[in-house]
């Protein structure tokens, strides 16, 4: 996928200017940068939810993007199964069967008839992931999907994403404030500046998988990036004390 945002503004403030990003087939690209840089806005543009910009979004195939918001955004009056079938294309030959397969892949098969209020935070995020996968996306857009979860639930969801990716390859563009999380999951990390958003550095991650946030190899990749870009990665300053 090729992304070129020539100009995106709110009122008189330019948020994104002349930004170009390319994602390769089946690649995971993490976007890291300060709050307010426009990362969530960029995902909304790619997803087609924000059309008030100048530029081009060119997809490698005809599959629509999937989107996971920071909040699960589930329909509380629908069951777990119904939340997934809700977004099925009108011409889908077997939406219930597809949804049940996705619930099995995300570990929610036993929760199909429950309602969102009966799910834990981690289960709700897994349901949001299953719903996003109902589109069979060519690229999955993830906006800080692990930020509200405790460490075990976040790690479980990360592994769930990678398992789904292995069964049905797709690309991922993933927004996070956590550099270690980005290094643990991504093939490439883009460090972004703000006012307007610009690409300052990209780091290719060649560590073998599986990776864990607290692996020494992950910390070894992060430490020189913290030193090189302290202003842009300042939100992780407290984390550096534990590295």
Protein backbone atom coordinates (compact mmCIF):
# COMPACT_ATOMS: atom_id res chain seq x y z
CA UNK A 1 0.00 0.00 0.00
CA UNK A 2 1.22 3.52 -0.84
CA UNK A 3 0.16 6.49 1.28
CA UNK A 4 0.89 10.08 0.32
CA UNK A 5 -0.77 12.83 2.34
CA UNK A 6 0.01 16.17 0.77
CA UNK A 7 -2.02 18.19 3.24
CA UNK A 8 -4.37 17.59 6.16
CA UNK A 9 -5.46 20.42 8.43
CA UNK A 10 -7.84 21.17 11.29
CA UNK A 11 -9.07 24.75 11.00
CA UNK A 12 -5.91 26.76 10.27
CA UNK A 13 -3.51 24.21 11.74
CA UNK A 14 -1.66 21.87 9.38
CA UNK A 15 -1.64 18.41 10.95
CA UNK A 16 0.02 16.36 8.18
CA UNK A 17 2.13 17.69 5.33
CA UNK A 18 3.84 15.83 2.48
CA UNK A 19 3.96 12.48 4.29
CA UNK A 20 4.73 9.33 2.31
CA UNK A 21 4.51 5.81 3.76
CA UNK A 22 4.74 2.49 1.94
CA UNK A 23 3.78 -0.87 3.41
CA UNK A 24 4.94 -4.10 1.87
CA UNK A 25 2.84 -7.22 1.43
CA UNK A 26 2.24 -8.95 4.77
CA UNK A 27 4.37 -6.33 6.58
CA UNK A 28 3.69 -4.97 10.08
CA UNK A 29 4.48 -1.25 10.30
CA UNK A 30 4.30 0.49 13.70
CA UNK A 31 3.81 4.25 14.00
CA UNK A 32 5.37 5.81 17.11
CA UNK A 33 5.42 9.47 18.05
CA UNK A 34 4.16 12.14 20.44
CA UNK A 35 0.51 12.61 21.37
CA UNK A 36 -1.27 14.96 19.00
CA UNK A 37 0.96 14.10 16.04
CA UNK A 38 -2.07 12.93 14.05
CA UNK A 39 -1.51 9.17 14.08
CA UNK A 40 -5.18 8.34 14.71
CA UNK A 41 -6.19 10.87 12.05
CA UNK A 42 -3.88 9.14 9.60
CA UNK A 43 -5.56 5.79 10.28
CA UNK A 44 -8.98 7.36 9.75
CA UNK A 45 -7.80 8.72 6.39
CA UNK A 46 -6.48 5.32 5.31
CA UNK A 47 -9.73 3.67 6.43
CA UNK A 48 -11.78 6.13 4.38
CA UNK A 49 -13.48 7.65 7.43
CA UNK A 50 -11.85 11.06 6.87
CA UNK A 51 -11.92 12.32 3.30
CA UNK A 52 -11.07 15.95 4.07
CA UNK A 53 -7.45 15.85 2.90
CA UNK A 54 -5.36 16.12 -0.23
CA UNK A 55 -3.29 13.13 -1.26
CA UNK A 56 -3.55 9.54 -2.42
CA UNK A 57 -4.13 6.18 -0.74
CA UNK A 58 -3.35 3.31 -3.12
CA UNK A 59 -4.08 -0.23 -1.97
CA UNK A 60 -2.20 -3.21 -3.37
CA UNK A 61 -5.40 -5.22 -3.84
CA UNK A 62 -9.15 -4.74 -3.72
CA UNK A 63 -9.67 -6.04 -0.19
CA UNK A 64 -11.04 -3.33 2.14
CA UNK A 65 -9.07 -2.24 5.23
CA UNK A 66 -10.08 -3.44 8.68
CA UNK A 67 -9.94 -1.06 11.63
CA UNK A 68 -9.52 -1.64 15.37
CA UNK A 69 -10.16 1.51 17.41
CA UNK A 70 -8.70 2.23 20.86
CA UNK A 71 -12.11 1.31 22.28
CA UNK A 72 -13.79 -1.92 21.20
CA UNK A 73 -16.95 -0.03 20.06
CA UNK A 74 -19.20 -3.07 20.29
CA UNK A 75 -22.97 -3.06 19.93
CA UNK A 76 -24.20 -3.82 23.48
CA UNK A 77 -27.64 -5.05 22.37
CA UNK A 78 -26.13 -7.68 20.05
CA UNK A 79 -24.57 -10.98 21.05
CA UNK A 80 -20.89 -11.70 20.45
CA UNK A 81 -21.78 -13.64 17.31
CA UNK A 82 -24.13 -10.91 16.06
CA UNK A 83 -21.45 -8.24 16.57
CA UNK A 84 -19.27 -10.10 14.07
CA UNK A 85 -21.96 -10.99 11.51
CA UNK A 86 -23.21 -7.37 11.61
CA UNK A 87 -20.35 -6.20 9.37
CA UNK A 88 -20.47 -9.09 6.88
CA UNK A 89 -20.79 -8.01 3.24
CA UNK A 90 -24.37 -8.32 1.92
CA UNK A 91 -23.33 -11.00 -0.57
CA UNK A 92 -21.43 -13.12 1.98
CA UNK A 93 -22.47 -16.77 1.39
CA UNK A 94 -22.17 -17.88 5.03
CA UNK A 95 -21.69 -15.02 7.50
CA UNK A 96 -22.57 -17.13 10.55
CA UNK A 97 -20.09 -19.85 9.63
CA UNK A 98 -17.36 -17.30 8.94
CA UNK A 99 -18.06 -15.49 12.21
CA UNK A 100 -17.95 -18.72 14.21
CA UNK A 101 -14.60 -19.60 12.62
CA UNK A 102 -13.22 -16.19 13.61
CA UNK A 103 -14.54 -16.58 17.15
CA UNK A 104 -12.76 -19.93 17.35
CA UNK A 105 -9.51 -18.40 16.08
CA UNK A 106 -9.76 -15.61 18.67
CA UNK A 107 -10.67 -17.96 21.52
CA UNK A 108 -14.25 -16.73 21.86
CA UNK A 109 -16.20 -19.70 20.54
CA UNK A 110 -17.69 -20.39 23.98
CA UNK A 111 -18.83 -16.77 24.31
CA UNK A 112 -20.86 -16.59 21.07
CA UNK A 113 -24.25 -16.14 22.73
CA UNK A 114 -23.11 -13.75 25.43
CA UNK A 115 -23.38 -9.95 25.29
CA UNK A 116 -20.47 -7.46 25.37
CA UNK A 117 -21.26 -6.48 28.98
CA UNK A 118 -20.46 -10.06 30.00
CA UNK A 119 -16.95 -9.97 28.50
CA UNK A 120 -13.65 -8.96 30.07
CA UNK A 121 -11.62 -6.15 28.55
CA UNK A 122 -9.34 -8.61 26.80
CA UNK A 123 -12.28 -10.57 25.40
CA UNK A 124 -13.87 -7.35 24.14
CA UNK A 125 -10.70 -6.50 22.23
CA UNK A 126 -10.59 -10.03 20.79
CA UNK A 127 -14.17 -9.56 19.63
CA UNK A 128 -13.25 -6.25 18.00
CA UNK A 129 -10.40 -8.07 16.25
CA UNK A 130 -12.72 -10.84 15.02
CA UNK A 131 -15.13 -8.20 13.71
CA UNK A 132 -12.33 -6.38 11.87
CA UNK A 133 -11.25 -9.67 10.30
CA UNK A 134 -14.75 -10.29 8.96
CA UNK A 135 -13.80 -7.91 6.12
CA UNK A 136 -10.90 -10.21 5.13
CA UNK A 137 -8.77 -7.06 5.10
CA UNK A 138 -5.74 -6.52 2.93
CA UNK A 139 -4.47 -4.23 5.69
CA UNK A 140 -5.53 -4.11 9.34
CA UNK A 141 -5.37 -0.66 10.96
CA UNK A 142 -4.84 -0.81 14.72
CA UNK A 143 -5.09 2.29 16.93
CA UNK A 144 -3.40 1.50 20.28
CA UNK A 145 -5.38 -1.76 20.60
CA UNK A 146 -3.50 -2.99 23.69
CA UNK A 147 -3.34 0.25 25.68
CA UNK A 148 -6.22 -0.44 28.10
CA UNK A 149 -5.28 -4.06 28.85
CA UNK A 150 -3.20 -5.55 31.62
CA UNK A 151 0.09 -7.13 30.56
CA UNK A 152 -1.11 -10.77 30.23
CA UNK A 153 -4.23 -9.79 28.25
CA UNK A 154 -2.20 -7.49 26.00
CA UNK A 155 0.36 -10.21 25.29
CA UNK A 156 -2.42 -12.71 24.59
CA UNK A 157 -4.04 -10.33 22.10
CA UNK A 158 -0.69 -9.63 20.40
CA UNK A 159 -0.17 -13.36 19.88
CA UNK A 160 -3.75 -13.69 18.65
CA UNK A 161 -3.13 -11.04 15.99
CA UNK A 162 0.02 -12.82 14.82
CA UNK A 163 -1.80 -16.17 14.72
CA UNK A 164 -4.58 -14.72 12.57
CA UNK A 165 -1.99 -13.15 10.30
CA UNK A 166 -0.32 -16.53 9.83
CA UNK A 167 -3.58 -18.17 8.72
CA UNK A 168 -4.68 -15.39 6.35
CA UNK A 169 -1.81 -13.01 5.45
CA UNK A 170 -2.47 -9.27 5.56
CA UNK A 171 -0.50 -6.12 6.34
CA UNK A 172 -0.82 -4.16 9.58
CA UNK A 173 -0.40 -0.47 10.32
CA UNK A 174 -0.26 -0.17 14.06
CA UNK A 175 -0.27 2.97 16.24
CA UNK A 176 1.31 2.86 19.70
CA UNK A 177 3.06 5.12 22.21
CA UNK A 178 5.08 2.17 23.49
CA UNK A 179 8.35 1.76 21.60
CA UNK A 180 9.09 -1.64 23.14
CA UNK A 181 5.67 -2.87 22.07
CA UNK A 182 6.33 -1.59 18.55
CA UNK A 183 9.68 -3.38 18.36
CA UNK A 184 8.16 -6.58 19.77
CA UNK A 185 5.45 -6.81 17.10
CA UNK A 186 6.59 -4.87 14.01
CA UNK A 187 8.77 -5.53 10.99
CA UNK A 188 9.43 -1.80 10.71
CA UNK A 189 9.01 1.09 13.18
CA UNK A 190 8.37 4.62 11.93
CA UNK A 191 9.22 7.43 14.35
CA UNK A 192 7.05 10.48 13.64
CA UNK A 193 7.31 14.12 14.60
CA UNK A 194 4.38 16.52 15.00
CA UNK A 195 3.24 19.97 13.87
CA UNK A 196 3.01 18.87 11.10
CA UNK A 197 3.48 15.09 11.11
CA UNK A 198 6.75 14.15 9.42
CA UNK A 199 8.73 10.92 9.24
CA UNK A 200 11.99 11.35 11.18
CA UNK A 201 13.35 7.82 11.20
CA UNK A 202 12.49 4.25 10.25
CA UNK A 203 13.96 1.22 11.97
CA UNK A 204 13.83 -2.22 10.37
CA UNK A 205 13.34 -4.93 13.01
CA UNK A 206 15.12 -8.16 12.12
CA UNK A 207 14.82 -9.96 15.48
CA UNK A 208 13.51 -13.52 15.16
CA UNK A 209 9.99 -14.29 16.32
CA UNK A 210 8.44 -14.89 18.77
CA UNK A 211 9.44 -11.73 20.63
CA UNK A 212 8.45 -10.58 24.10
CA UNK A 213 8.31 -7.00 25.38
CA UNK A 214 10.84 -7.78 28.09
CA UNK A 215 13.36 -9.63 25.94
CA UNK A 216 16.84 -8.17 26.22
CA UNK A 217 17.07 -8.14 22.42
CA UNK A 218 14.01 -5.87 22.25
CA UNK A 219 15.53 -3.51 24.83
CA UNK A 220 18.80 -3.48 22.91
CA UNK A 221 16.98 -2.23 19.81
CA UNK A 222 15.05 0.40 21.79
CA UNK A 223 17.89 1.96 23.77
CA UNK A 224 19.73 3.71 20.89
CA UNK A 225 16.39 4.96 19.56
CA UNK A 226 15.58 6.52 22.94
CA UNK A 227 18.98 8.22 22.89
CA UNK A 228 18.61 9.44 19.30
CA UNK A 229 15.00 10.68 19.56
CA UNK A 230 14.35 11.56 23.23
CA UNK A 231 11.91 14.35 22.40
CA UNK A 232 9.71 12.18 20.20
CA UNK A 233 9.80 9.16 22.54
CA UNK A 234 9.52 11.17 25.75
CA UNK A 235 6.28 9.42 26.69
CA UNK A 236 8.31 6.29 27.35
CA UNK A 237 10.87 7.98 29.60
CA UNK A 238 9.69 6.17 32.74
CA UNK A 239 9.91 2.86 30.92
CA UNK A 240 13.59 3.43 30.20
CA UNK A 241 14.37 3.11 33.91
CA UNK A 242 13.32 -0.55 33.77
CA UNK A 243 15.35 -1.43 30.70
